[in-house]
C-alpha atoms as a PDB file:
ATOM      1  CA  UNK A   1     117.406 144.955  87.182  1.00  0.00           C
ATOM      2  CA  UNK A   2     114.531 143.088  85.539  1.00  0.00           C
ATOM      3  CA  UNK A   3     111.012 143.922  86.642  1.00  0.00           C
ATOM      4  CA  UNK A   4     107.979 142.190  85.144  1.00  0.00           C
ATOM      5  CA  UNK A   5     104.628 143.598  86.259  1.00  0.00           C
ATOM      6  CA  UNK A   6     101.189 142.126  85.518  1.00  0.00           C
ATOM      7  CA  UNK A   7     102.379 140.820  82.158  1.00  0.00           C
ATOM      8  CA  UNK A   8      99.769 139.080  80.013  1.00  0.00           C
ATOM      9  CA  UNK A   9     100.174 137.616  76.530  1.00  0.00           C
ATOM     10  CA  UNK A  10      97.451 136.443  74.160  1.00  0.00           C
ATOM     11  CA  UNK A  11      97.655 134.292  71.041  1.00  0.00           C
ATOM     12  CA  UNK A  12      94.362 135.243  69.462  1.00  0.00           C
ATOM     13  CA  UNK A  13      91.650 134.330  71.971  1.00  0.00           C
ATOM     14  CA  UNK A  14      94.021 132.134  73.997  1.00  0.00           C
ATOM     15  CA  UNK A  15      95.751 133.780  76.964  1.00  0.00           C
ATOM     16  CA  UNK A  16      99.191 132.223  77.457  1.00  0.00           C
ATOM     17  CA  UNK A  17     100.338 134.442  80.352  1.00  0.00           C
ATOM     18  CA  UNK A  18      98.137 135.899  83.084  1.00  0.00           C
ATOM     19  CA  UNK A  19      99.337 138.909  85.120  1.00  0.00           C
ATOM     20  CA  UNK A  20     102.858 137.590  85.667  1.00  0.00           C
ATOM     21  CA  UNK A  21     105.008 139.414  88.233  1.00  0.00           C
ATOM     22  CA  UNK A  22     108.688 138.607  88.745  1.00  0.00           C
ATOM     23  CA  UNK A  23     112.047 140.253  89.319  1.00  0.00           C
ATOM     24  CA  UNK A  24     115.700 139.414  88.772  1.00  0.00           C
ATOM     25  CA  UNK A  25     118.251 141.372  90.787  1.00  0.00           C
ATOM     26  CA  UNK A  26     121.852 141.978  89.830  1.00  0.00           C
ATOM     27  CA  UNK A  27     124.024 138.907  90.286  1.00  0.00           C
ATOM     28  CA  UNK A  28     121.159 136.452  90.715  1.00  0.00           C
ATOM     29  CA  UNK A  29     120.308 133.167  89.097  1.00  0.00           C
ATOM     30  CA  UNK A  30     116.523 132.944  89.155  1.00  0.00           C
ATOM     31  CA  UNK A  31     114.839 129.746  87.991  1.00  0.00           C
ATOM     32  CA  UNK A  32     111.438 129.595  86.327  1.00  0.00           C
ATOM     33  CA  UNK A  33     109.974 126.122  86.841  1.00  0.00           C
ATOM     34  CA  UNK A  34     107.072 124.715  84.901  1.00  0.00           C
ATOM     35  CA  UNK A  35     105.881 121.891  82.703  1.00  0.00           C
ATOM     36  CA  UNK A  36     105.553 122.071  78.934  1.00  0.00           C
ATOM     37  CA  UNK A  37     102.896 124.610  78.026  1.00  0.00           C
ATOM     38  CA  UNK A  38     103.207 126.526  81.294  1.00  0.00           C
ATOM     39  CA  UNK A  39     104.203 129.710  79.441  1.00  0.00           C
ATOM     40  CA  UNK A  40     107.960 129.817  80.048  1.00  0.00           C
ATOM     41  CA  UNK A  41     108.958 130.204  76.404  1.00  0.00           C
ATOM     42  CA  UNK A  42     106.195 132.758  75.823  1.00  0.00           C
ATOM     43  CA  UNK A  43     107.571 134.830  78.677  1.00  0.00           C
ATOM     44  CA  UNK A  44     111.080 134.626  77.230  1.00  0.00           C
ATOM     45  CA  UNK A  45     109.882 135.576  73.743  1.00  0.00           C
ATOM     46  CA  UNK A  46     108.170 138.603  75.274  1.00  0.00           C
ATOM     47  CA  UNK A  47     111.229 139.647  77.277  1.00  0.00           C
ATOM     48  CA  UNK A  48     113.326 139.280  74.105  1.00  0.00           C
ATOM     49  CA  UNK A  49     110.996 141.578  72.164  1.00  0.00           C
ATOM     50  CA  UNK A  50     109.786 138.864  69.776  1.00  0.00           C
ATOM     51  CA  UNK A  51     106.269 138.782  71.203  1.00  0.00           C
ATOM     52  CA  UNK A  52     104.207 141.816  72.189  1.00  0.00           C
ATOM     53  CA  UNK A  53     102.265 141.589  75.457  1.00  0.00           C
ATOM     54  CA  UNK A  54      98.533 142.109  75.685  1.00  0.00           C
ATOM     55  CA  UNK A  55      98.894 143.936  78.986  1.00  0.00           C
ATOM     56  CA  UNK A  56     101.470 144.747  81.628  1.00  0.00           C
ATOM     57  CA  UNK A  57     105.104 145.787  81.431  1.00  0.00           C
ATOM     58  CA  UNK A  58     108.628 144.427  81.517  1.00  0.00           C
ATOM     59  CA  UNK A  59     111.568 146.739  82.114  1.00  0.00           C
ATOM     60  CA  UNK A  60     115.312 146.262  82.249  1.00  0.00           C
ATOM     61  CA  UNK A  61     117.068 148.878  84.350  1.00  0.00           C
ATOM     62  CA  UNK A  62     114.069 151.102  83.724  1.00  0.00           C
ATOM     63  CA  UNK A  63     114.079 150.606  79.942  1.00  0.00           C
ATOM     64  CA  UNK A  64     111.025 148.925  78.349  1.00  0.00           C
ATOM     65  CA  UNK A  65     111.532 145.485  76.819  1.00  0.00           C
ATOM     66  CA  UNK A  66     108.082 145.081  75.302  1.00  0.00           C
ATOM     67  CA  UNK A  67     108.280 147.303  72.240  1.00  0.00           C
ATOM     68  CA  UNK A  68     108.672 144.465  69.764  1.00  0.00           C
ATOM     69  CA  UNK A  69     112.279 145.270  68.788  1.00  0.00           C
ATOM     70  CA  UNK A  70     114.578 142.346  69.641  1.00  0.00           C
ATOM     71  CA  UNK A  71     117.686 144.177  68.454  1.00  0.00           C
ATOM     72  CA  UNK A  72     116.938 146.971  70.944  1.00  0.00           C
ATOM     73  CA  UNK A  73     116.708 144.487  73.806  1.00  0.00           C
ATOM     74  CA  UNK A  74     119.978 142.784  72.811  1.00  0.00           C
ATOM     75  CA  UNK A  75     121.796 146.102  72.481  1.00  0.00           C
ATOM     76  CA  UNK A  76     120.573 147.052  75.972  1.00  0.00           C
ATOM     77  CA  UNK A  77     122.024 143.971  77.615  1.00  0.00           C
ATOM     78  CA  UNK A  78     119.372 141.235  77.363  1.00  0.00           C
ATOM     79  CA  UNK A  79     120.299 138.102  75.425  1.00  0.00           C
ATOM     80  CA  UNK A  80     118.389 134.840  74.999  1.00  0.00           C
ATOM     81  CA  UNK A  81     119.752 131.324  74.589  1.00  0.00           C
ATOM     82  CA  UNK A  82     116.798 129.538  72.970  1.00  0.00           C
ATOM     83  CA  UNK A  83     115.365 126.129  73.678  1.00  0.00           C
ATOM     84  CA  UNK A  84     116.782 123.538  71.305  1.00  0.00           C
ATOM     85  CA  UNK A  85     120.061 125.472  70.794  1.00  0.00           C
ATOM     86  CA  UNK A  86     119.260 126.505  67.149  1.00  0.00           C
ATOM     87  CA  UNK A  87     122.868 126.419  65.996  1.00  0.00           C
ATOM     88  CA  UNK A  88     124.007 126.558  62.381  1.00  0.00           C
ATOM     89  CA  UNK A  89     125.276 122.957  62.211  1.00  0.00           C
ATOM     90  CA  UNK A  90     127.397 123.315  59.067  1.00  0.00           C
ATOM     91  CA  UNK A  91     129.207 126.416  60.312  1.00  0.00           C
ATOM     92  CA  UNK A  92     132.208 126.135  62.583  1.00  0.00           C
ATOM     93  CA  UNK A  93     131.910 126.683  66.309  1.00  0.00           C
ATOM     94  CA  UNK A  94     133.729 130.002  65.998  1.00  0.00           C
ATOM     95  CA  UNK A  95     131.497 131.255  63.184  1.00  0.00           C
ATOM     96  CA  UNK A  96     128.449 130.407  65.289  1.00  0.00           C
ATOM     97  CA  UNK A  97     129.964 132.386  68.156  1.00  0.00           C
ATOM     98  CA  UNK A  98     130.738 135.383  65.953  1.00  0.00           C
ATOM     99  CA  UNK A  99     127.118 135.499  64.823  1.00  0.00           C
ATOM    100  CA  UNK A 100     126.198 136.145  68.434  1.00  0.00           C
ATOM    101  CA  UNK A 101     128.258 139.342  68.307  1.00  0.00           C
ATOM    102  CA  UNK A 102     126.356 140.802  65.342  1.00  0.00           C
ATOM    103  CA  UNK A 103     125.027 143.717  67.384  1.00  0.00           C
ATOM    104  CA  UNK A 104     128.688 144.675  68.057  1.00  0.00           C
ATOM    105  CA  UNK A 105     129.884 143.970  64.511  1.00  0.00           C
ATOM    106  CA  UNK A 106     131.664 147.324  64.226  1.00  0.00           C
ATOM    107  CA  UNK A 107     133.814 146.550  67.259  1.00  0.00           C
ATOM    108  CA  UNK A 108     136.232 143.922  65.949  1.00  0.00           C
ATOM    109  CA  UNK A 109     138.632 144.282  68.862  1.00  0.00           C
ATOM    110  CA  UNK A 110     135.819 143.878  71.384  1.00  0.00           C
ATOM    111  CA  UNK A 111     134.534 140.793  69.572  1.00  0.00           C
ATOM    112  CA  UNK A 112     138.014 139.254  69.696  1.00  0.00           C
ATOM    113  CA  UNK A 113     138.149 139.892  73.447  1.00  0.00           C
ATOM    114  CA  UNK A 114     134.721 138.331  73.938  1.00  0.00           C
ATOM    115  CA  UNK A 115     135.778 135.255  71.968  1.00  0.00           C
ATOM    116  CA  UNK A 116     138.696 134.694  74.309  1.00  0.00           C
ATOM    117  CA  UNK A 117     136.452 135.306  77.324  1.00  0.00           C
ATOM    118  CA  UNK A 118     133.852 132.733  76.268  1.00  0.00           C
ATOM    119  CA  UNK A 119     136.592 130.233  75.436  1.00  0.00           C
ATOM    120  CA  UNK A 120     137.923 130.712  78.965  1.00  0.00           C
ATOM    121  CA  UNK A 121     134.427 130.042  80.325  1.00  0.00           C
ATOM    122  CA  UNK A 122     133.990 126.993  78.078  1.00  0.00           C
ATOM    123  CA  UNK A 123     137.470 125.487  77.676  1.00  0.00           C
ATOM    124  CA  UNK A 124     136.066 122.328  76.046  1.00  0.00           C
ATOM    125  CA  UNK A 125     135.276 124.444  72.976  1.00  0.00           C
ATOM    126  CA  UNK A 126     138.824 125.668  72.370  1.00  0.00           C
ATOM    127  CA  UNK A 127     139.897 122.539  70.542  1.00  0.00           C
ATOM    128  CA  UNK A 128     136.601 122.486  68.613  1.00  0.00           C
ATOM    129  CA  UNK A 129     136.654 126.084  67.389  1.00  0.00           C
ATOM    130  CA  UNK A 130     137.094 125.080  63.727  1.00  0.00           C
ATOM    131  CA  UNK A 131     134.826 122.000  63.837  1.00  0.00           C
ATOM    132  CA  UNK A 132     131.268 122.143  62.438  1.00  0.00           C
ATOM    133  CA  UNK A 133     128.906 122.851  65.313  1.00  0.00           C
ATOM    134  CA  UNK A 134     126.725 119.929  64.224  1.00  0.00           C
ATOM    135  CA  UNK A 135     129.586 117.484  64.806  1.00  0.00           C
ATOM    136  CA  UNK A 136     129.751 118.215  68.543  1.00  0.00           C
ATOM    137  CA  UNK A 137     128.083 116.261  71.318  1.00  0.00           C
ATOM    138  CA  UNK A 138     124.771 117.506  72.683  1.00  0.00           C
ATOM    139  CA  UNK A 139     126.418 118.983  75.767  1.00  0.00           C
ATOM    140  CA  UNK A 140     129.091 120.745  73.725  1.00  0.00           C
ATOM    141  CA  UNK A 141     126.410 122.136  71.397  1.00  0.00           C
ATOM    142  CA  UNK A 142     124.552 123.523  74.405  1.00  0.00           C
ATOM    143  CA  UNK A 143     127.757 125.201  75.550  1.00  0.00           C
ATOM    144  CA  UNK A 144     128.170 126.730  72.067  1.00  0.00           C
ATOM    145  CA  UNK A 145     124.606 128.053  72.278  1.00  0.00           C
ATOM    146  CA  UNK A 146     125.233 129.652  75.680  1.00  0.00           C
ATOM    147  CA  UNK A 147     128.587 131.039  74.552  1.00  0.00           C
ATOM    148  CA  UNK A 148     126.980 132.491  71.413  1.00  0.00           C
ATOM    149  CA  UNK A 149     124.435 134.311  73.597  1.00  0.00           C
ATOM    150  CA  UNK A 150     127.269 135.720  75.696  1.00  0.00           C
ATOM    151  CA  UNK A 151     128.945 137.164  72.596  1.00  0.00           C
ATOM    152  CA  UNK A 152     126.245 139.848  72.668  1.00  0.00           C
ATOM    153  CA  UNK A 153     127.808 140.984  75.997  1.00  0.00           C
ATOM    154  CA  UNK A 154     124.603 140.642  78.038  1.00  0.00           C
ATOM    155  CA  UNK A 155     124.081 141.669  81.615  1.00  0.00           C
ATOM    156  CA  UNK A 156     121.010 139.404  81.726  1.00  0.00           C
ATOM    157  CA  UNK A 157     120.921 135.981  80.075  1.00  0.00           C
ATOM    158  CA  UNK A 158     117.555 134.348  79.362  1.00  0.00           C
ATOM    159  CA  UNK A 159     118.375 130.648  79.316  1.00  0.00           C
ATOM    160  CA  UNK A 160     115.575 128.435  77.993  1.00  0.00           C
ATOM    161  CA  UNK A 161     115.635 124.706  78.894  1.00  0.00           C
ATOM    162  CA  UNK A 162     119.408 124.137  78.666  1.00  0.00           C
ATOM    163  CA  UNK A 163     119.154 120.556  79.976  1.00  0.00           C
ATOM    164  CA  UNK A 164     116.697 119.433  77.294  1.00  0.00           C
ATOM    165  CA  UNK A 165     117.672 116.054  75.836  1.00  0.00           C
ATOM    166  CA  UNK A 166     120.955 115.773  77.732  1.00  0.00           C
ATOM    167  CA  UNK A 167     122.232 112.886  79.847  1.00  0.00           C
ATOM    168  CA  UNK A 168     122.387 113.530  83.629  1.00  0.00           C
ATOM    169  CA  UNK A 169     126.196 113.796  83.694  1.00  0.00           C
ATOM    170  CA  UNK A 170     126.125 116.296  80.832  1.00  0.00           C
ATOM    171  CA  UNK A 171     123.355 118.278  82.559  1.00  0.00           C
ATOM    172  CA  UNK A 172     125.653 118.676  85.545  1.00  0.00           C
ATOM    173  CA  UNK A 173     128.432 120.012  83.300  1.00  0.00           C
ATOM    174  CA  UNK A 174     126.074 122.492  81.635  1.00  0.00           C
ATOM    175  CA  UNK A 175     124.809 123.809  84.971  1.00  0.00           C
ATOM    176  CA  UNK A 176     128.361 124.165  86.240  1.00  0.00           C
ATOM    177  CA  UNK A 177     128.978 126.289  83.140  1.00  0.00           C
ATOM    178  CA  UNK A 178     125.919 128.413  83.978  1.00  0.00           C
ATOM    179  CA  UNK A 179     127.370 129.019  87.431  1.00  0.00           C
ATOM    180  CA  UNK A 180     130.652 130.162  85.862  1.00  0.00           C
ATOM    181  CA  UNK A 181     128.734 132.555  83.627  1.00  0.00           C
ATOM    182  CA  UNK A 182     126.950 133.980  86.663  1.00  0.00           C
ATOM    183  CA  UNK A 183     130.193 134.298  88.634  1.00  0.00           C
ATOM    184  CA  UNK A 184     131.599 136.245  85.674  1.00  0.00           C
ATOM    185  CA  UNK A 185     128.974 138.939  86.310  1.00  0.00           C
ATOM    186  CA  UNK A 186     125.931 137.904  84.240  1.00  0.00           C
ATOM    187  CA  UNK A 187     122.510 137.641  85.863  1.00  0.00           C
ATOM    188  CA  UNK A 188     120.512 134.623  84.682  1.00  0.00           C
ATOM    189  CA  UNK A 189     116.803 133.901  84.311  1.00  0.00           C
ATOM    190  CA  UNK A 190     116.661 130.151  83.774  1.00  0.00           C
ATOM    191  CA  UNK A 191     113.578 128.316  82.486  1.00  0.00           C
ATOM    192  CA  UNK A 192     113.728 124.622  83.352  1.00  0.00           C
ATOM    193  CA  UNK A 193     111.743 121.444  83.850  1.00  0.00           C
ATOM    194  CA  UNK A 194     114.685 119.789  85.626  1.00  0.00           C
ATOM    195  CA  UNK A 195     113.880 121.326  88.982  1.00  0.00           C
ATOM    196  CA  UNK A 196     116.502 119.441  90.964  1.00  0.00           C
ATOM    197  CA  UNK A 197     119.400 120.612  88.788  1.00  0.00           C
ATOM    198  CA  UNK A 198     118.068 124.158  88.422  1.00  0.00           C
ATOM    199  CA  UNK A 199     117.379 124.697  92.115  1.00  0.00           C
ATOM    200  CA  UNK A 200     120.856 123.388  92.845  1.00  0.00           C
ATOM    201  CA  UNK A 201     122.349 126.586  91.396  1.00  0.00           C
ATOM    202  CA  UNK A 202     119.530 129.156  91.705  1.00  0.00           C
ATOM    203  CA  UNK A 203     119.202 131.843  94.354  1.00  0.00           C
ATOM    204  CA  UNK A 204     115.429 132.161  94.001  1.00  0.00           C
ATOM    205  CA  UNK A 205     112.673 130.739  91.857  1.00  0.00           C
ATOM    206  CA  UNK A 206     109.145 130.967  90.535  1.00  0.00           C
ATOM    207  CA  UNK A 207     106.737 128.218  89.528  1.00  0.00           C
ATOM    208  CA  UNK A 208     104.655 128.921  86.430  1.00  0.00           C
ATOM    209  CA  UNK A 209     101.474 126.889  85.948  1.00  0.00           C
ATOM    210  CA  UNK A 210      98.901 127.586  83.265  1.00  0.00           C
ATOM    211  CA  UNK A 211     100.509 130.929  82.517  1.00  0.00           C
ATOM    212  CA  UNK A 212     100.309 132.087  86.132  1.00  0.00           C
ATOM    213  CA  UNK A 213     102.905 132.355  88.888  1.00  0.00           C
ATOM    214  CA  UNK A 214     101.664 129.839  91.441  1.00  0.00           C
ATOM    215  CA  UNK A 215     104.660 129.823  93.817  1.00  0.00           C
ATOM    216  CA  UNK A 216     107.788 131.827  94.462  1.00  0.00           C
ATOM    217  CA  UNK A 217     110.543 131.731  97.023  1.00  0.00           C
ATOM    218  CA  UNK A 218     114.170 131.175  97.855  1.00  0.00           C
ATOM    219  CA  UNK A 219     116.077 128.109  96.739  1.00  0.00           C
ATOM    220  CA  UNK A 220     115.613 126.442 100.129  1.00  0.00           C
ATOM    221  CA  UNK A 221     111.950 127.403 100.400  1.00  0.00           C
ATOM    222  CA  UNK A 222     111.123 125.838  97.038  1.00  0.00           C
ATOM    223  CA  UNK A 223     113.223 122.737  97.711  1.00  0.00           C
ATOM    224  CA  UNK A 224     111.308 122.254 100.943  1.00  0.00           C
ATOM    225  CA  UNK A 225     107.843 122.973  99.534  1.00  0.00           C
ATOM    226  CA  UNK A 226     105.742 119.802  99.362  1.00  0.00           C
ATOM    227  CA  UNK A 227     104.005 120.981  96.168  1.00  0.00           C
ATOM    228  CA  UNK A 228     107.333 121.503  94.394  1.00  0.00           C
ATOM    229  CA  UNK A 229     108.725 118.249  95.743  1.00  0.00           C
ATOM    230  CA  UNK A 230     105.692 116.309  94.532  1.00  0.00           C
ATOM    231  CA  UNK A 231     105.280 117.968  91.126  1.00  0.00           C
ATOM    232  CA  UNK A 232     108.878 118.595  90.097  1.00  0.00           C
ATOM    233  CA  UNK A 233     111.240 116.616  92.301  1.00  0.00           C
ATOM    234  CA  UNK A 234     109.401 113.292  92.352  1.00  0.00           C
ATOM    235  CA  UNK A 235     109.513 112.966  96.145  1.00  0.00           C
END
């Protein structure tokens, strides 16, 4: 589904990504591990069309994602849930969700169906639908952010640091929600520093260091790799 080949990204003279290769197949959760500054968000910005690459390609079902047109990427099934949630705190939960459906704004009936679908995936939000998004707990806000991304009806969700700033119990709830999203038919590329939680739900993973893919493998292979265990699992 997603194929990234020798992708490089420069910010002026600084090269943030170096010849990155990765794939996401249909139905997978693939985790992208790495510390701050490793290049995870740069990769996501590039896959979303917000950042043009310096070299290489990224395609989604054979269609290019690197033309610098985010609305094209969203309309072709690729949606990003950004780091830090970026909700509109004074708007209600439901208005935030409807903004995620902007690309389908002419399909009112379809938007109504998607609202009910995301509420079924995130039942904690049903009773909060008219509350200001900023009044919710951090975990509930993260669920709103994921649900808003799903309103674009993606086949691939780019999920950037969903556990950031959340308590361990809330992190578990968020990752359970990500599993439900995946079971509902959405492939997920998940950027995370919380390797233990991310590898608990992922099928495969990549480790990004200094803008380069340094390791890749199955869930079990990465969990058992001494380098991953030392750098990301604290064991």
